[in-house]
N, C-alpha and C. Protein backbone atom coordinates (compact mmCIF):
# COMPACT_ATOMS: atom_id res chain seq x y z
N MET A 1 47.73 210.41 -30.90
CA MET A 1 47.31 209.36 -31.83
C MET A 1 47.69 208.00 -31.25
N SER A 2 46.79 207.06 -31.28
CA SER A 2 47.05 205.74 -30.72
C SER A 2 48.06 204.98 -31.58
N ARG A 3 48.65 203.95 -30.96
CA ARG A 3 49.62 203.13 -31.70
C ARG A 3 48.96 202.44 -32.89
N LEU A 4 47.70 202.04 -32.70
CA LEU A 4 46.99 201.37 -33.79
C LEU A 4 46.80 202.30 -34.99
N ARG A 5 46.47 203.55 -34.70
CA ARG A 5 46.31 204.52 -35.79
C ARG A 5 47.64 204.80 -36.47
N ILE A 6 48.69 204.91 -35.68
CA ILE A 6 50.02 205.14 -36.26
C ILE A 6 50.40 203.98 -37.16
N LEU A 7 50.17 202.74 -36.68
CA LEU A 7 50.49 201.56 -37.48
C LEU A 7 49.69 201.54 -38.77
N ALA A 8 48.40 201.89 -38.67
CA ALA A 8 47.55 201.92 -39.87
C ALA A 8 48.04 202.97 -40.86
N ALA A 9 48.49 204.13 -40.34
CA ALA A 9 48.99 205.18 -41.22
C ALA A 9 50.27 204.74 -41.92
N VAL A 10 51.16 204.06 -41.18
CA VAL A 10 52.41 203.59 -41.77
C VAL A 10 52.13 202.54 -42.85
N ILE A 11 51.24 201.60 -42.54
CA ILE A 11 50.90 200.57 -43.51
C ILE A 11 50.27 201.19 -44.75
N GLY A 12 49.37 202.16 -44.56
CA GLY A 12 48.75 202.84 -45.70
C GLY A 12 49.76 203.54 -46.57
N THR A 13 50.74 204.21 -45.93
CA THR A 13 51.79 204.90 -46.70
C THR A 13 52.63 203.90 -47.50
N LEU A 14 52.98 202.77 -46.86
CA LEU A 14 53.79 201.76 -47.56
C LEU A 14 53.02 201.15 -48.73
N LEU A 15 51.73 200.90 -48.53
CA LEU A 15 50.92 200.35 -49.62
C LEU A 15 50.80 201.34 -50.77
N ALA A 16 50.61 202.63 -50.43
CA ALA A 16 50.52 203.65 -51.48
C ALA A 16 51.82 203.74 -52.26
N ALA A 17 52.96 203.71 -51.54
CA ALA A 17 54.26 203.77 -52.21
C ALA A 17 54.47 202.55 -53.10
N ALA A 18 54.05 201.37 -52.60
CA ALA A 18 54.20 200.16 -53.40
C ALA A 18 53.33 200.21 -54.65
N SER A 19 52.12 200.76 -54.52
CA SER A 19 51.23 200.90 -55.68
C SER A 19 51.83 201.81 -56.72
N VAL A 20 52.40 202.94 -56.26
CA VAL A 20 53.03 203.87 -57.19
C VAL A 20 54.20 203.21 -57.90
N ALA A 21 55.01 202.45 -57.15
CA ALA A 21 56.18 201.79 -57.74
C ALA A 21 55.77 200.79 -58.81
N VAL A 22 54.63 200.13 -58.61
CA VAL A 22 54.17 199.13 -59.57
C VAL A 22 53.52 199.79 -60.78
N LEU A 23 52.68 200.80 -60.53
CA LEU A 23 51.89 201.40 -61.61
C LEU A 23 52.64 202.46 -62.41
N VAL A 24 53.60 203.12 -61.77
CA VAL A 24 54.34 204.19 -62.44
C VAL A 24 55.77 203.72 -62.68
N PRO A 25 56.19 203.61 -63.92
CA PRO A 25 57.53 203.09 -64.19
C PRO A 25 58.63 204.05 -63.72
N LEU A 26 59.72 203.47 -63.27
CA LEU A 26 60.89 204.25 -62.89
C LEU A 26 61.68 204.66 -64.12
N ARG A 27 62.29 205.83 -64.04
CA ARG A 27 63.23 206.27 -65.08
C ARG A 27 64.56 206.55 -64.42
N THR A 28 65.63 206.33 -65.14
CA THR A 28 66.96 206.62 -64.63
C THR A 28 67.44 207.94 -65.21
N VAL A 29 67.93 208.82 -64.34
CA VAL A 29 68.43 210.11 -64.78
C VAL A 29 69.76 209.91 -65.50
N ALA A 30 69.86 210.46 -66.70
CA ALA A 30 71.10 210.38 -67.47
C ALA A 30 71.74 211.77 -67.51
N GLY A 31 73.01 211.84 -67.20
CA GLY A 31 73.71 213.11 -67.25
C GLY A 31 73.46 213.97 -66.02
N ASP A 32 74.12 215.13 -65.99
CA ASP A 32 74.07 216.02 -64.83
C ASP A 32 73.41 217.35 -65.14
N GLU A 33 72.48 217.37 -66.08
CA GLU A 33 71.83 218.63 -66.44
C GLU A 33 70.95 219.17 -65.32
N MET A 34 70.54 218.30 -64.37
CA MET A 34 69.72 218.76 -63.25
C MET A 34 70.48 218.65 -61.92
N SER A 35 71.79 218.59 -62.00
CA SER A 35 72.61 218.53 -60.79
C SER A 35 72.60 219.90 -60.10
N TRP A 36 72.44 220.03 -58.82
CA TRP A 36 72.74 218.98 -57.87
C TRP A 36 71.48 218.34 -57.31
N SER A 37 70.34 218.81 -57.75
CA SER A 37 69.07 218.28 -57.22
C SER A 37 68.86 216.84 -57.65
N LEU A 38 69.06 216.57 -58.93
CA LEU A 38 68.99 215.21 -59.48
C LEU A 38 70.33 214.91 -60.12
N ARG A 39 70.86 213.72 -59.84
CA ARG A 39 72.18 213.36 -60.34
C ARG A 39 72.10 212.14 -61.24
N ALA A 40 73.10 211.99 -62.08
CA ALA A 40 73.15 210.84 -62.99
C ALA A 40 73.04 209.55 -62.19
N GLY A 41 72.16 208.67 -62.63
CA GLY A 41 71.96 207.41 -61.95
C GLY A 41 70.80 207.40 -60.98
N ASP A 42 70.29 208.57 -60.61
CA ASP A 42 69.10 208.62 -59.76
C ASP A 42 67.93 207.94 -60.47
N ARG A 43 67.03 207.35 -59.70
CA ARG A 43 65.79 206.81 -60.24
C ARG A 43 64.66 207.75 -59.85
N VAL A 44 63.79 208.08 -60.80
CA VAL A 44 62.70 209.01 -60.54
C VAL A 44 61.37 208.43 -61.01
N TRP A 45 60.32 208.80 -60.29
CA TRP A 45 58.95 208.47 -60.69
C TRP A 45 58.35 209.69 -61.35
N ILE A 46 57.88 209.54 -62.60
CA ILE A 46 57.29 210.65 -63.34
C ILE A 46 55.81 210.33 -63.55
N VAL A 47 54.95 211.19 -63.07
CA VAL A 47 53.52 210.93 -63.11
C VAL A 47 52.80 212.05 -63.86
N PRO A 48 51.65 211.76 -64.46
CA PRO A 48 50.84 212.82 -65.06
C PRO A 48 50.19 213.64 -63.94
N ASP A 49 50.48 214.90 -63.88
CA ASP A 49 49.98 215.74 -62.78
C ASP A 49 50.00 217.19 -63.25
N ARG A 50 49.23 218.01 -62.56
CA ARG A 50 49.24 219.45 -62.86
C ARG A 50 50.59 220.02 -62.44
N VAL A 51 51.18 220.84 -63.30
CA VAL A 51 52.50 221.40 -63.04
C VAL A 51 52.37 222.60 -62.10
N ARG A 52 53.22 222.64 -61.09
CA ARG A 52 53.33 223.80 -60.21
C ARG A 52 54.73 224.37 -60.33
N ARG A 53 54.90 225.61 -59.94
CA ARG A 53 56.22 226.22 -59.96
C ARG A 53 57.17 225.44 -59.07
N SER A 54 58.36 225.25 -59.54
CA SER A 54 59.49 224.52 -58.93
C SER A 54 59.43 223.02 -59.17
N ASP A 55 58.37 222.51 -59.83
CA ASP A 55 58.32 221.10 -60.20
C ASP A 55 59.38 220.78 -61.25
N VAL A 56 59.92 219.57 -61.18
CA VAL A 56 60.77 219.06 -62.26
C VAL A 56 59.85 218.32 -63.24
N VAL A 57 59.92 218.70 -64.51
CA VAL A 57 59.02 218.14 -65.51
C VAL A 57 59.83 217.45 -66.61
N LEU A 58 59.19 216.47 -67.23
CA LEU A 58 59.76 215.79 -68.40
C LEU A 58 59.22 216.46 -69.64
N VAL A 59 60.12 217.01 -70.47
CA VAL A 59 59.69 217.78 -71.64
C VAL A 59 60.37 217.29 -72.90
N THR A 60 59.73 217.52 -74.03
CA THR A 60 60.34 217.26 -75.33
C THR A 60 61.34 218.37 -75.63
N ASP A 61 62.55 217.99 -75.99
CA ASP A 61 63.58 218.96 -76.36
C ASP A 61 63.15 219.65 -77.66
N PRO A 62 62.93 220.97 -77.64
CA PRO A 62 62.48 221.67 -78.85
C PRO A 62 63.46 221.56 -80.02
N LEU A 63 64.75 221.34 -79.73
CA LEU A 63 65.75 221.25 -80.79
C LEU A 63 65.94 219.83 -81.30
N ASP A 64 65.40 218.85 -80.56
CA ASP A 64 65.51 217.44 -80.95
C ASP A 64 64.27 216.71 -80.45
N PRO A 65 63.19 216.71 -81.24
CA PRO A 65 61.92 216.13 -80.79
C PRO A 65 61.99 214.65 -80.42
N SER A 66 63.08 213.96 -80.80
CA SER A 66 63.22 212.56 -80.41
C SER A 66 63.75 212.40 -78.99
N ARG A 67 64.10 213.50 -78.36
CA ARG A 67 64.74 213.48 -77.05
C ARG A 67 63.83 214.10 -75.99
N GLN A 68 63.75 213.47 -74.83
CA GLN A 68 63.03 214.05 -73.69
C GLN A 68 64.03 214.36 -72.59
N VAL A 69 63.83 215.51 -71.93
CA VAL A 69 64.77 215.96 -70.91
C VAL A 69 64.00 216.43 -69.67
N LEU A 70 64.71 216.47 -68.55
CA LEU A 70 64.13 216.99 -67.31
C LEU A 70 64.53 218.45 -67.14
N ARG A 71 63.56 219.27 -66.78
CA ARG A 71 63.80 220.68 -66.51
C ARG A 71 62.90 221.14 -65.37
N ARG A 72 63.25 222.27 -64.74
CA ARG A 72 62.48 222.78 -63.63
C ARG A 72 61.55 223.92 -64.09
N ALA A 73 60.28 223.80 -63.74
CA ALA A 73 59.29 224.81 -64.12
C ALA A 73 59.44 226.02 -63.19
N ILE A 74 59.75 227.17 -63.78
CA ILE A 74 60.03 228.37 -62.99
C ILE A 74 58.88 229.38 -63.04
N ALA A 75 58.27 229.52 -64.21
CA ALA A 75 57.22 230.53 -64.36
C ALA A 75 56.17 230.03 -65.35
N HIS A 76 54.91 230.36 -65.09
CA HIS A 76 53.81 229.93 -65.97
C HIS A 76 53.29 231.09 -66.79
N GLY A 77 52.31 230.81 -67.63
CA GLY A 77 51.76 231.81 -68.52
C GLY A 77 51.28 233.05 -67.78
N GLY A 78 51.65 234.21 -68.33
CA GLY A 78 51.26 235.48 -67.72
C GLY A 78 52.33 236.06 -66.81
N GLN A 79 53.35 235.27 -66.46
CA GLN A 79 54.42 235.77 -65.60
C GLN A 79 55.59 236.27 -66.44
N LYS A 80 56.42 237.11 -65.82
CA LYS A 80 57.57 237.70 -66.49
C LYS A 80 58.85 237.25 -65.81
N VAL A 81 59.84 236.86 -66.63
CA VAL A 81 61.10 236.33 -66.12
C VAL A 81 62.24 237.25 -66.54
N ARG A 82 63.13 237.51 -65.60
CA ARG A 82 64.31 238.32 -65.89
C ARG A 82 65.49 237.78 -65.10
N PHE A 83 66.70 237.85 -65.70
CA PHE A 83 67.92 237.42 -65.02
C PHE A 83 68.73 238.65 -64.65
N GLU A 84 69.28 238.61 -63.44
CA GLU A 84 70.01 239.77 -62.94
C GLU A 84 71.16 239.29 -62.06
N GLU A 85 72.39 239.41 -62.57
CA GLU A 85 73.60 239.05 -61.82
C GLU A 85 73.51 237.65 -61.23
N GLY A 86 73.08 236.71 -62.07
CA GLY A 86 73.02 235.31 -61.65
C GLY A 86 71.74 234.93 -60.94
N ALA A 87 70.93 235.90 -60.57
CA ALA A 87 69.67 235.61 -59.89
C ALA A 87 68.53 235.60 -60.90
N VAL A 88 67.45 234.91 -60.55
CA VAL A 88 66.27 234.82 -61.39
C VAL A 88 65.15 235.62 -60.73
N ARG A 89 64.49 236.47 -61.50
CA ARG A 89 63.34 237.22 -60.98
C ARG A 89 62.10 236.82 -61.75
N VAL A 90 61.03 236.56 -61.03
CA VAL A 90 59.74 236.24 -61.63
C VAL A 90 58.76 237.30 -61.15
N ASP A 91 58.18 238.03 -62.12
CA ASP A 91 57.30 239.16 -61.80
C ASP A 91 57.99 240.14 -60.86
N GLY A 92 59.28 240.32 -61.08
CA GLY A 92 60.05 241.28 -60.30
C GLY A 92 60.55 240.77 -58.97
N LYS A 93 60.06 239.60 -58.52
CA LYS A 93 60.44 239.05 -57.22
C LYS A 93 61.60 238.08 -57.40
N ARG A 94 62.67 238.32 -56.67
CA ARG A 94 63.87 237.50 -56.80
C ARG A 94 63.67 236.14 -56.14
N ILE A 95 63.97 235.08 -56.88
CA ILE A 95 63.97 233.75 -56.27
C ILE A 95 65.11 233.71 -55.26
N ARG A 96 64.79 233.32 -54.03
CA ARG A 96 65.79 233.35 -52.97
C ARG A 96 66.91 232.36 -53.24
N GLN A 97 68.15 232.82 -53.02
CA GLN A 97 69.32 231.98 -53.22
C GLN A 97 70.20 232.02 -51.98
N GLN A 98 70.79 230.86 -51.68
CA GLN A 98 71.76 230.76 -50.60
C GLN A 98 72.92 229.91 -51.09
N GLU A 99 74.14 230.44 -50.98
CA GLU A 99 75.30 229.68 -51.43
C GLU A 99 75.58 228.56 -50.46
N MET A 100 75.73 227.32 -51.00
CA MET A 100 75.93 226.14 -50.16
C MET A 100 77.38 225.66 -50.16
N GLY A 101 78.17 226.05 -51.17
CA GLY A 101 79.56 225.62 -51.23
C GLY A 101 79.86 224.87 -52.51
N ASP A 102 81.06 224.33 -52.59
CA ASP A 102 81.51 223.61 -53.77
C ASP A 102 80.97 222.18 -53.76
N PRO A 103 80.69 221.63 -54.95
CA PRO A 103 80.31 220.20 -55.01
C PRO A 103 81.45 219.34 -54.50
N PRO A 104 81.14 218.18 -53.90
CA PRO A 104 82.20 217.29 -53.40
C PRO A 104 83.18 216.86 -54.48
N ALA A 105 82.71 216.67 -55.71
CA ALA A 105 83.59 216.20 -56.79
C ALA A 105 83.25 216.93 -58.08
N PRO A 106 83.62 218.22 -58.19
CA PRO A 106 83.31 218.95 -59.41
C PRO A 106 84.12 218.43 -60.59
N PRO A 107 83.62 218.63 -61.82
CA PRO A 107 84.39 218.20 -62.99
C PRO A 107 85.76 218.85 -63.01
N GLU A 108 86.73 218.11 -63.52
CA GLU A 108 88.11 218.58 -63.51
C GLU A 108 88.24 219.90 -64.28
N GLY A 109 88.89 220.88 -63.66
CA GLY A 109 89.16 222.14 -64.32
C GLY A 109 87.97 223.09 -64.35
N LEU A 110 86.88 222.75 -63.66
CA LEU A 110 85.69 223.59 -63.70
C LEU A 110 85.27 223.94 -62.29
N GLY A 111 85.43 225.22 -61.92
CA GLY A 111 84.99 225.65 -60.61
C GLY A 111 83.48 225.78 -60.58
N GLN A 112 82.84 225.19 -59.58
CA GLN A 112 81.40 225.23 -59.48
C GLN A 112 80.96 225.54 -58.07
N THR A 113 79.77 226.10 -57.96
CA THR A 113 79.17 226.39 -56.67
C THR A 113 77.74 225.87 -56.68
N VAL A 114 77.33 225.27 -55.58
CA VAL A 114 75.95 224.82 -55.43
C VAL A 114 75.17 225.88 -54.66
N LEU A 115 73.98 226.21 -55.15
CA LEU A 115 73.09 227.15 -54.49
C LEU A 115 71.86 226.42 -53.98
N LYS A 116 71.23 226.96 -52.98
CA LYS A 116 69.88 226.54 -52.62
C LYS A 116 68.94 227.64 -53.08
N GLU A 117 67.98 227.27 -53.93
CA GLU A 117 66.97 228.23 -54.36
C GLU A 117 65.63 227.84 -53.75
N VAL A 118 64.81 228.85 -53.48
CA VAL A 118 63.51 228.62 -52.87
C VAL A 118 62.47 229.44 -53.59
N ILE A 119 61.43 228.77 -54.11
CA ILE A 119 60.26 229.45 -54.63
C ILE A 119 59.18 229.33 -53.56
N TRP A 120 58.76 230.44 -53.01
CA TRP A 120 57.80 230.40 -51.90
C TRP A 120 56.39 230.23 -52.43
N SER A 121 55.62 229.45 -51.70
CA SER A 121 54.21 229.26 -51.99
C SER A 121 53.38 229.94 -50.91
N LYS A 122 52.11 230.09 -51.19
CA LYS A 122 51.23 230.71 -50.21
C LYS A 122 50.99 229.76 -49.04
N PRO A 123 50.86 230.29 -47.81
CA PRO A 123 50.55 229.43 -46.66
C PRO A 123 49.26 228.66 -46.93
N PRO A 124 49.13 227.41 -46.43
CA PRO A 124 50.05 226.76 -45.47
C PRO A 124 51.16 225.96 -46.13
N ALA A 125 51.34 226.08 -47.45
CA ALA A 125 52.39 225.31 -48.12
C ALA A 125 53.76 225.73 -47.59
N ARG A 126 54.69 224.78 -47.58
CA ARG A 126 56.04 225.09 -47.13
C ARG A 126 56.89 225.51 -48.32
N ALA A 127 58.07 226.03 -48.03
CA ALA A 127 58.97 226.43 -49.11
C ALA A 127 59.49 225.20 -49.83
N ASN A 128 59.61 225.29 -51.14
CA ASN A 128 60.15 224.19 -51.94
C ASN A 128 61.58 224.54 -52.32
N ARG A 129 62.54 223.79 -51.79
CA ARG A 129 63.94 224.10 -52.04
C ARG A 129 64.53 223.11 -53.04
N TYR A 130 65.51 223.58 -53.80
CA TYR A 130 66.23 222.73 -54.74
C TYR A 130 67.63 223.30 -54.89
N PHE A 131 68.50 222.57 -55.60
CA PHE A 131 69.93 222.88 -55.55
C PHE A 131 70.54 223.03 -56.94
N PRO A 132 70.43 224.20 -57.54
CA PRO A 132 71.09 224.41 -58.82
C PRO A 132 72.60 224.55 -58.66
N THR A 133 73.31 224.33 -59.75
CA THR A 133 74.77 224.44 -59.79
C THR A 133 75.14 225.52 -60.79
N ILE A 134 76.06 226.39 -60.41
CA ILE A 134 76.57 227.40 -61.34
C ILE A 134 78.08 227.28 -61.39
N SER A 135 78.65 227.69 -62.52
CA SER A 135 80.10 227.69 -62.66
C SER A 135 80.62 229.10 -62.42
N ASP A 136 81.93 229.23 -62.34
CA ASP A 136 82.50 230.55 -62.10
C ASP A 136 82.76 231.29 -63.40
N ARG A 137 82.26 230.74 -64.50
CA ARG A 137 82.40 231.42 -65.78
C ARG A 137 81.20 232.33 -66.01
N SER A 138 81.30 233.19 -66.98
CA SER A 138 80.16 234.03 -67.33
C SER A 138 79.06 233.15 -67.90
N ALA A 139 77.85 233.36 -67.44
CA ALA A 139 76.73 232.55 -67.90
C ALA A 139 76.51 232.76 -69.39
N ARG A 140 76.28 231.66 -70.12
CA ARG A 140 76.10 231.74 -71.56
C ARG A 140 74.62 231.90 -71.89
N TRP A 141 74.01 232.96 -71.40
CA TRP A 141 72.59 233.16 -71.66
C TRP A 141 72.42 233.88 -72.99
N SER A 142 71.40 233.51 -73.72
CA SER A 142 71.27 233.98 -75.09
C SER A 142 70.76 235.40 -75.21
N ALA A 143 69.99 235.86 -74.23
CA ALA A 143 69.40 237.19 -74.34
C ALA A 143 69.08 237.74 -72.96
N GLY A 144 69.17 239.05 -72.85
CA GLY A 144 68.79 239.70 -71.60
C GLY A 144 67.36 240.21 -71.68
N GLY A 145 67.05 241.13 -70.78
CA GLY A 145 65.72 241.71 -70.79
C GLY A 145 64.69 240.82 -70.11
N VAL A 146 63.44 241.20 -70.27
CA VAL A 146 62.32 240.51 -69.64
C VAL A 146 61.63 239.62 -70.65
N VAL A 147 61.33 238.38 -70.27
CA VAL A 147 60.58 237.45 -71.11
C VAL A 147 59.20 237.27 -70.48
N GLU A 148 58.16 237.57 -71.24
CA GLU A 148 56.79 237.34 -70.76
C GLU A 148 56.33 235.98 -71.28
N VAL A 149 55.94 235.12 -70.35
CA VAL A 149 55.54 233.76 -70.71
C VAL A 149 54.11 233.77 -71.24
N PRO A 150 53.88 233.27 -72.47
CA PRO A 150 52.52 233.25 -73.01
C PRO A 150 51.62 232.29 -72.23
N GLU A 151 50.33 232.54 -72.29
CA GLU A 151 49.39 231.61 -71.66
C GLU A 151 49.55 230.23 -72.29
N GLY A 152 49.40 229.19 -71.46
CA GLY A 152 49.55 227.82 -71.95
C GLY A 152 50.99 227.40 -72.13
N HIS A 153 51.93 228.16 -71.58
CA HIS A 153 53.35 227.85 -71.70
C HIS A 153 54.01 227.88 -70.32
N TRP A 154 55.23 227.32 -70.26
CA TRP A 154 56.05 227.36 -69.06
C TRP A 154 57.47 227.79 -69.41
N TYR A 155 58.08 228.52 -68.50
CA TYR A 155 59.50 228.85 -68.60
C TYR A 155 60.25 227.85 -67.73
N VAL A 156 61.16 227.07 -68.34
CA VAL A 156 61.84 226.00 -67.62
C VAL A 156 63.35 226.22 -67.64
N LEU A 157 64.01 225.81 -66.56
CA LEU A 157 65.46 225.94 -66.44
C LEU A 157 66.08 224.61 -66.06
N ALA A 158 67.30 224.40 -66.51
CA ALA A 158 68.12 223.29 -66.00
C ALA A 158 68.69 223.72 -64.66
N ASP A 159 68.80 222.79 -63.72
CA ASP A 159 69.43 223.14 -62.44
C ASP A 159 70.93 223.35 -62.60
N ASN A 160 71.55 222.63 -63.53
CA ASN A 160 72.96 222.85 -63.84
C ASN A 160 73.02 223.99 -64.85
N ARG A 161 72.97 225.21 -64.33
CA ARG A 161 72.63 226.38 -65.12
C ARG A 161 73.55 226.66 -66.31
N ASP A 162 74.81 226.37 -66.20
CA ASP A 162 75.74 226.73 -67.27
C ASP A 162 76.12 225.55 -68.16
N GLU A 163 75.48 224.41 -67.96
CA GLU A 163 75.88 223.21 -68.69
C GLU A 163 74.73 222.58 -69.46
N ALA A 164 73.63 223.29 -69.67
CA ALA A 164 72.48 222.69 -70.37
C ALA A 164 71.65 223.79 -71.02
N LEU A 165 70.94 223.41 -72.08
CA LEU A 165 70.03 224.33 -72.75
C LEU A 165 68.66 224.26 -72.08
N ASP A 166 67.96 225.40 -72.11
CA ASP A 166 66.63 225.47 -71.51
C ASP A 166 65.90 226.67 -72.11
N SER A 167 64.93 227.23 -71.41
CA SER A 167 64.12 228.31 -71.98
C SER A 167 64.90 229.59 -72.23
N ARG A 168 66.12 229.70 -71.71
CA ARG A 168 66.95 230.86 -72.05
C ARG A 168 67.31 230.85 -73.52
N TRP A 169 67.35 229.65 -74.13
CA TRP A 169 67.60 229.50 -75.57
C TRP A 169 66.32 229.15 -76.32
N TRP A 170 65.53 228.23 -75.76
CA TRP A 170 64.33 227.76 -76.45
C TRP A 170 63.21 228.78 -76.42
N GLY A 171 63.16 229.58 -75.36
CA GLY A 171 61.97 230.35 -75.07
C GLY A 171 61.01 229.49 -74.25
N PRO A 172 59.88 230.05 -73.83
CA PRO A 172 58.90 229.26 -73.08
C PRO A 172 58.40 228.08 -73.91
N ILE A 173 58.11 226.97 -73.24
CA ILE A 173 57.65 225.77 -73.95
C ILE A 173 56.15 225.59 -73.74
N PRO A 174 55.43 225.05 -74.73
CA PRO A 174 53.99 224.82 -74.56
C PRO A 174 53.72 223.70 -73.58
N GLU A 175 52.59 223.76 -72.90
CA GLU A 175 52.22 222.71 -71.96
C GLU A 175 52.11 221.35 -72.64
N SER A 176 51.80 221.35 -73.94
CA SER A 176 51.68 220.08 -74.67
C SER A 176 53.02 219.35 -74.79
N ALA A 177 54.14 220.07 -74.55
CA ALA A 177 55.47 219.46 -74.61
C ALA A 177 55.87 218.83 -73.29
N ILE A 178 55.02 218.98 -72.25
CA ILE A 178 55.31 218.43 -70.93
C ILE A 178 54.62 217.08 -70.80
N HIS A 179 55.38 216.05 -70.43
CA HIS A 179 54.85 214.68 -70.40
C HIS A 179 54.65 214.13 -69.00
N GLY A 180 55.00 214.89 -67.98
CA GLY A 180 54.81 214.40 -66.62
C GLY A 180 55.67 215.19 -65.65
N VAL A 181 55.43 214.92 -64.36
CA VAL A 181 56.10 215.63 -63.27
C VAL A 181 56.82 214.62 -62.38
N VAL A 182 58.04 214.92 -61.99
CA VAL A 182 58.78 214.06 -61.08
C VAL A 182 58.20 214.23 -59.67
N ARG A 183 57.71 213.12 -59.10
CA ARG A 183 57.09 213.19 -57.77
C ARG A 183 57.85 212.38 -56.72
N ALA A 184 58.90 211.66 -57.12
CA ALA A 184 59.73 210.95 -56.16
C ALA A 184 61.10 210.71 -56.76
N ARG A 185 62.09 210.67 -55.89
CA ARG A 185 63.48 210.45 -56.32
C ARG A 185 64.13 209.42 -55.40
N TYR A 186 64.94 208.53 -56.00
CA TYR A 186 65.76 207.62 -55.21
C TYR A 186 67.18 207.67 -55.74
N GLY A 187 68.11 207.97 -54.88
CA GLY A 187 69.51 208.04 -55.28
C GLY A 187 70.39 208.23 -54.07
N GLU A 188 71.67 208.27 -54.29
CA GLU A 188 72.64 208.37 -53.19
C GLU A 188 72.42 209.65 -52.40
N ALA A 189 72.40 209.54 -51.08
CA ALA A 189 72.30 210.72 -50.21
C ALA A 189 73.65 211.44 -50.19
N ASP A 190 73.61 212.74 -49.90
CA ASP A 190 74.83 213.52 -49.79
C ASP A 190 74.61 214.65 -48.80
N ILE A 191 75.50 215.61 -48.76
CA ILE A 191 75.42 216.64 -47.73
C ILE A 191 74.21 217.55 -47.91
N TRP A 192 73.66 217.61 -49.14
CA TRP A 192 72.47 218.44 -49.35
C TRP A 192 71.22 217.58 -49.53
N ARG A 193 71.37 216.42 -50.09
CA ARG A 193 70.24 215.50 -50.26
C ARG A 193 70.31 214.52 -49.09
N GLU A 194 69.57 214.81 -48.05
CA GLU A 194 69.78 214.17 -46.76
C GLU A 194 69.35 212.71 -46.73
N THR A 195 68.43 212.31 -47.59
CA THR A 195 67.95 210.93 -47.60
C THR A 195 68.05 210.36 -49.01
N ALA A 196 68.14 209.05 -49.09
CA ALA A 196 68.23 208.40 -50.40
C ALA A 196 66.91 208.50 -51.14
N PHE A 197 65.79 208.42 -50.41
CA PHE A 197 64.46 208.50 -51.03
C PHE A 197 63.80 209.81 -50.63
N GLU A 198 63.19 210.47 -51.62
CA GLU A 198 62.56 211.76 -51.34
C GLU A 198 61.27 211.88 -52.18
N LEU A 199 60.18 212.21 -51.51
CA LEU A 199 58.95 212.56 -52.21
C LEU A 199 59.02 214.02 -52.62
N LEU A 200 58.71 214.32 -53.87
CA LEU A 200 58.74 215.69 -54.39
C LEU A 200 57.29 216.12 -54.62
N LEU A 201 56.66 216.54 -53.56
CA LEU A 201 55.22 216.82 -53.61
C LEU A 201 54.96 218.26 -54.04
N PRO A 202 53.79 218.52 -54.63
CA PRO A 202 53.48 219.89 -55.04
C PRO A 202 53.39 220.82 -53.84
N GLU A 203 53.79 222.06 -54.05
CA GLU A 203 53.85 223.01 -52.95
C GLU A 203 52.77 224.09 -53.01
N GLU A 204 52.07 224.20 -54.12
CA GLU A 204 51.09 225.29 -54.24
C GLU A 204 49.70 224.73 -54.33
């Protein structure tokens, strides 16, 4: 590729990013319910888009309709979700997990471990990785067994698995409760989040 084409591509990318920043308002992440993928104080761009598995979505809290929260879409209508020894299975297939270690500054008195989870997409899409946090306590999940997600619904989870409510208590949420998808993040880089700015593009 010629230097001129490279320069044109860079300028086009910068213009597109600037347009998104102007047209799509930034939101500030409050709390650590999506830690370690999204942390308190991060700025995120939430856009109206089709939801794919592993997307972070903005949803109405079923227990408090005045509140909107961020959650990760794990399974869509027609799929079956089951939990097994800390792992998540969708249609019987285990979401891949890799232990990454302890958070740099875990809450006092609370042992935590960060995992890398991967929901694989069909080629040529790449794997979409994210970083849930679990504690060393027994998970406070409301029910075992298999949950079949109804059509027009999504099963969503908090990345901070033991410190937030999600579809394990609410059940699957209707698509009408989803208000947008996080497509970019800006926040402090760390050992797992390698850059301050990250595009969160769809993988499927």
